[in-house]
Amino acid sequence: MTNLFTRIKNTVMADLNEVLEQKEKKNPIAMLNQYLRQCEQETEKVRKLIARQYQLREEFANEYEKSAELAQKRKQQAEIAEKAGETELQQFAAKEAIHHEERASRLHQALNDAAAELQKLEEKYEVMKHKLKDMHIRRMELMGRENVSRANHKMDQVINENSLADKSASRFGEIESYLERLEKDINHSYQENTIDARIAELEKKMKRDEKSANF
């Protein structure tokens, strides 16, 4: 059953990764923006952890100072009790001093560890910020290239459309020239036919006039 669930999980993850890869190919800038948002979120989480580490370091420092002061205070009280011959009070104050010294020692070590860890976190945080900044610059570079690519594509379309328009205009010009020639030929033919008809009509009339004159 476990193996079945594992296979199903792997299949689903493989399909998901394929979908993401296809989406990235179609719109790489959108995917990059998504990655950047995720990185920004992770960077913000680290920033909050560092702020918490600062707070913990301050708390360790405060507790260490309190314990160190109490340890010193109990030592002095034990000395006073010893001088006063108060053995029981001196023993109690001495034990309290030891407890506070041990606590102060633990807190001092915790303070040093917290400071060391804080330094490591800050160094890693700086690396994260630099990488995030580099990613932002990379995004701007890609956006610039994409913008140039789109601009070139648009200009190529315009240029090709102009070329097509020029070709169409040239074709229309040829058609107009052809129509003009055809019109001239038709007019010429019409005029020739009109002249022939008129001459023929004149000849008929002249013949009729001659006949009338003979009678």
Protein backbone atom coordinates (compact mmCIF):
# COMPACT_ATOMS: atom_id res chain seq x y z
CA MET A 1 0.00 0.00 0.00
CA THR A 2 2.85 2.36 0.87
CA ASN A 3 4.52 1.63 -2.46
CA LEU A 4 1.24 2.36 -4.24
CA PHE A 5 0.88 5.72 -2.51
CA THR A 6 4.52 6.49 -3.31
CA ARG A 7 4.00 5.72 -7.00
CA ILE A 8 0.84 7.85 -7.09
CA LYS A 9 2.67 10.71 -5.38
CA ASN A 10 5.61 10.47 -7.78
CA THR A 11 3.25 10.38 -10.77
CA VAL A 12 1.35 13.45 -9.56
CA MET A 13 4.59 15.32 -8.86
CA ALA A 14 5.93 14.40 -12.28
CA ASP A 15 2.76 15.67 -13.96
CA LEU A 16 2.89 18.85 -11.87
CA ASN A 17 6.52 19.46 -12.76
CA GLU A 18 5.71 18.95 -16.44
CA VAL A 19 2.87 21.48 -16.22
CA LEU A 20 5.18 23.96 -14.50
CA GLU A 21 7.87 23.43 -17.14
CA GLN A 22 5.34 24.03 -19.92
CA LYS A 23 4.09 27.15 -18.14
CA GLU A 24 7.65 28.38 -17.72
CA LYS A 25 8.33 27.93 -21.43
CA LYS A 26 5.19 29.87 -22.36
CA ASN A 27 5.73 32.75 -19.95
CA PRO A 28 9.22 32.71 -18.37
CA ILE A 29 8.87 36.23 -16.92
CA ALA A 30 5.70 35.25 -15.02
CA MET A 31 7.42 32.18 -13.59
CA LEU A 32 10.45 34.25 -12.65
CA ASN A 33 8.17 36.73 -10.86
CA GLN A 34 6.64 33.83 -8.95
CA TYR A 35 10.09 32.55 -7.96
CA LEU A 36 11.05 36.05 -6.84
CA ARG A 37 7.94 36.35 -4.68
CA GLN A 38 8.76 33.02 -3.05
CA CYS A 39 12.37 34.09 -2.43
CA GLU A 40 11.18 37.40 -1.00
CA GLN A 41 8.85 35.53 1.36
CA GLU A 42 11.67 33.24 2.51
CA THR A 43 13.99 36.22 2.96
CA GLU A 44 11.34 37.95 5.07
CA LYS A 45 11.03 34.82 7.25
CA VAL A 46 14.79 34.82 7.81
CA ARG A 47 14.69 38.54 8.67
CA LYS A 48 12.08 37.85 11.35
CA LEU A 49 14.15 34.97 12.74
CA ILE A 50 17.17 37.25 12.96
CA ALA A 51 15.09 39.88 14.76
CA ARG A 52 14.00 37.16 17.19
CA GLN A 53 17.62 36.10 17.66
CA TYR A 54 18.53 39.70 18.53
CA GLN A 55 15.78 39.70 21.12
CA LEU A 56 16.97 36.40 22.58
CA ARG A 57 20.53 37.68 22.79
CA GLU A 58 19.32 40.72 24.71
CA GLU A 59 17.29 38.51 27.04
CA PHE A 60 20.31 36.28 27.68
CA ALA A 61 22.42 39.36 28.35
CA ASN A 62 19.89 40.76 30.82
CA GLU A 63 19.51 37.45 32.66
CA TYR A 64 23.29 37.01 32.78
CA GLU A 65 23.75 40.45 34.31
CA LYS A 66 21.06 39.74 36.89
CA SER A 67 22.56 36.38 37.85
CA ALA A 68 26.09 37.79 38.01
CA GLU A 69 24.91 40.64 40.22
CA LEU A 70 23.00 38.29 42.52
CA ALA A 71 25.99 35.96 42.76
CA GLN A 72 28.22 38.88 43.78
CA LYS A 73 25.56 40.13 46.20
CA ARG A 74 25.20 36.72 47.89
CA LYS A 75 28.98 36.44 48.22
CA GLN A 76 29.12 39.74 50.02
CA GLN A 77 26.20 38.74 52.23
CA ALA A 78 27.92 35.47 53.07
CA GLU A 79 31.04 37.38 54.12
CA ILE A 80 28.97 39.71 56.31
CA ALA A 81 27.16 36.76 57.91
CA GLU A 82 30.46 35.00 58.53
CA LYS A 83 31.93 38.06 60.23
CA ALA A 84 28.79 38.35 62.31
CA GLY A 85 29.06 34.72 63.40
CA GLU A 86 25.80 33.78 61.67
CA THR A 87 26.93 30.38 60.40
CA GLU A 88 23.55 29.19 59.12
CA LEU A 89 22.90 32.45 57.30
CA GLN A 90 26.44 32.42 55.92
CA GLN A 91 25.97 28.89 54.55
CA PHE A 92 22.63 29.79 52.94
CA ALA A 93 24.08 32.92 51.32
CA ALA A 94 27.12 30.94 50.09
CA LYS A 95 24.87 28.27 48.49
CA GLU A 96 22.79 30.97 46.84
CA ALA A 97 25.94 32.58 45.49
CA ILE A 98 27.02 29.24 43.98
CA HIS A 99 23.62 28.74 42.33
CA HIS A 100 23.69 32.21 40.83
CA GLU A 101 27.30 31.77 39.66
CA GLU A 102 26.37 28.50 37.92
CA ARG A 103 23.35 30.13 36.34
CA ALA A 104 25.42 33.11 35.27
CA SER A 105 27.97 30.74 33.74
CA ARG A 106 25.23 28.95 31.76
CA LEU A 107 23.72 32.26 30.66
CA HIS A 108 27.13 33.58 29.65
CA GLN A 109 27.69 30.53 27.46
CA ALA A 110 24.18 30.82 26.01
CA LEU A 111 24.85 34.50 25.32
CA ASN A 112 28.06 33.67 23.47
CA ASP A 113 26.32 30.93 21.48
CA ALA A 114 23.43 33.23 20.61
CA ALA A 115 25.85 35.93 19.47
CA ALA A 116 27.80 33.42 17.34
CA GLU A 117 24.61 32.04 15.77
CA LEU A 118 23.36 35.56 15.17
CA GLN A 119 26.52 36.41 13.27
CA LYS A 120 26.11 33.30 11.09
CA LEU A 121 22.47 34.14 10.44
CA GLU A 122 23.35 37.70 9.49
CA GLU A 123 26.03 36.49 7.08
CA LYS A 124 23.60 34.06 5.43
CA TYR A 125 20.94 36.74 5.38
CA GLU A 126 23.29 39.07 3.51
CA VAL A 127 23.99 36.32 0.99
CA MET A 128 20.23 35.82 0.52
CA LYS A 129 19.70 39.54 -0.01
CA HIS A 130 22.51 39.68 -2.57
CA LYS A 131 21.06 36.70 -4.44
CA LEU A 132 17.60 38.22 -4.33
CA LYS A 133 18.99 41.49 -5.69
CA ASP A 134 20.80 39.59 -8.45
CA MET A 135 17.55 37.84 -9.32
CA HIS A 136 15.77 41.20 -9.55
CA ILE A 137 18.51 42.46 -11.88
CA ARG A 138 18.28 39.25 -13.89
CA ARG A 139 14.52 39.77 -14.20
CA MET A 140 15.05 43.31 -15.48
CA GLU A 141 17.57 42.00 -18.03
CA LEU A 142 15.13 39.35 -19.22
CA MET A 143 12.27 41.86 -19.34
CA GLY A 144 14.47 44.18 -21.40
CA ARG A 145 15.28 41.41 -23.85
CA GLU A 146 11.65 40.34 -24.02
CA ASN A 147 10.61 43.94 -24.62
CA VAL A 148 13.14 44.33 -27.43
CA SER A 149 12.01 41.02 -28.92
CA ARG A 150 8.37 42.10 -28.84
CA ALA A 151 9.20 45.51 -30.29
CA ASN A 152 11.14 43.91 -33.11
CA HIS A 153 8.29 41.51 -33.74
CA LYS A 154 5.78 44.36 -33.89
CA MET A 155 8.01 46.38 -36.20
CA ASP A 156 8.52 43.36 -38.45
CA GLN A 157 4.75 42.99 -38.62
CA VAL A 158 4.36 46.65 -39.57
CA ILE A 159 7.10 46.39 -42.15
CA ASN A 160 5.57 43.26 -43.63
CA GLU A 161 2.14 44.89 -43.65
CA ASN A 162 3.61 47.90 -45.47
CA SER A 163 5.24 45.62 -47.96
CA LEU A 164 1.92 43.86 -48.48
CA ALA A 165 0.22 47.23 -48.86
CA ASP A 166 2.82 48.28 -51.40
CA LYS A 167 2.25 45.07 -53.32
CA SER A 168 -1.51 45.58 -53.14
CA ALA A 169 -1.15 49.19 -54.29
CA SER A 170 1.03 48.04 -57.14
CA ARG A 171 -1.54 45.42 -58.10
CA PHE A 172 -4.34 47.99 -57.99
CA GLY A 173 -2.24 50.26 -60.17
CA GLU A 174 -1.86 47.51 -62.73
CA ILE A 175 -5.60 46.89 -62.72
CA GLU A 176 -6.33 50.61 -63.13
CA SER A 177 -3.90 50.85 -66.03
CA TYR A 178 -5.54 47.83 -67.62
CA LEU A 179 -9.00 49.37 -67.20
CA GLU A 180 -7.82 52.63 -68.69
CA ARG A 181 -6.40 50.83 -71.73
CA LEU A 182 -9.56 48.77 -72.03
CA GLU A 183 -11.69 51.91 -71.81
CA LYS A 184 -9.63 53.59 -74.52
CA ASP A 185 -9.94 50.56 -76.76
CA ILE A 186 -13.69 50.40 -76.20
CA ASN A 187 -14.12 54.13 -76.88
CA HIS A 188 -11.99 53.90 -79.97
CA SER A 189 -13.96 50.94 -81.25
CA TYR A 190 -17.20 52.73 -80.41
CA GLN A 191 -16.11 55.85 -82.28
CA GLU A 192 -15.05 53.81 -85.29
CA ASN A 193 -18.37 52.02 -85.32
CA THR A 194 -20.20 55.34 -84.92
CA ILE A 195 -18.32 56.92 -87.87
CA ASP A 196 -19.05 53.91 -90.07
CA ALA A 197 -22.71 54.03 -89.16
CA ARG A 198 -22.94 57.78 -89.81
CA ILE A 199 -21.14 57.52 -93.18
CA ALA A 200 -23.41 54.66 -94.19
CA GLU A 201 -26.43 56.69 -93.21
CA LEU A 202 -25.15 59.68 -95.21
CA GLU A 203 -24.57 57.51 -98.25
CA LYS A 204 -28.15 56.19 -98.05
CA LYS A 205 -29.52 59.69 -97.73
CA MET A 206 -27.46 60.93 -100.67
CA LYS A 207 -28.81 58.09 -102.83
CA ARG A 208 -32.37 58.88 -101.84
CA ASP A 209 -31.79 62.56 -102.68
CA GLU A 210 -30.41 61.62 -106.11
CA LYS A 211 -33.44 59.50 -106.87
CA SER A 212 -35.78 62.27 -105.85
CA ALA A 213 -33.95 64.75 -108.07
CA ASN A 214 -34.21 62.47 -111.13
CA PHE A 215 -37.95 62.30 -110.79
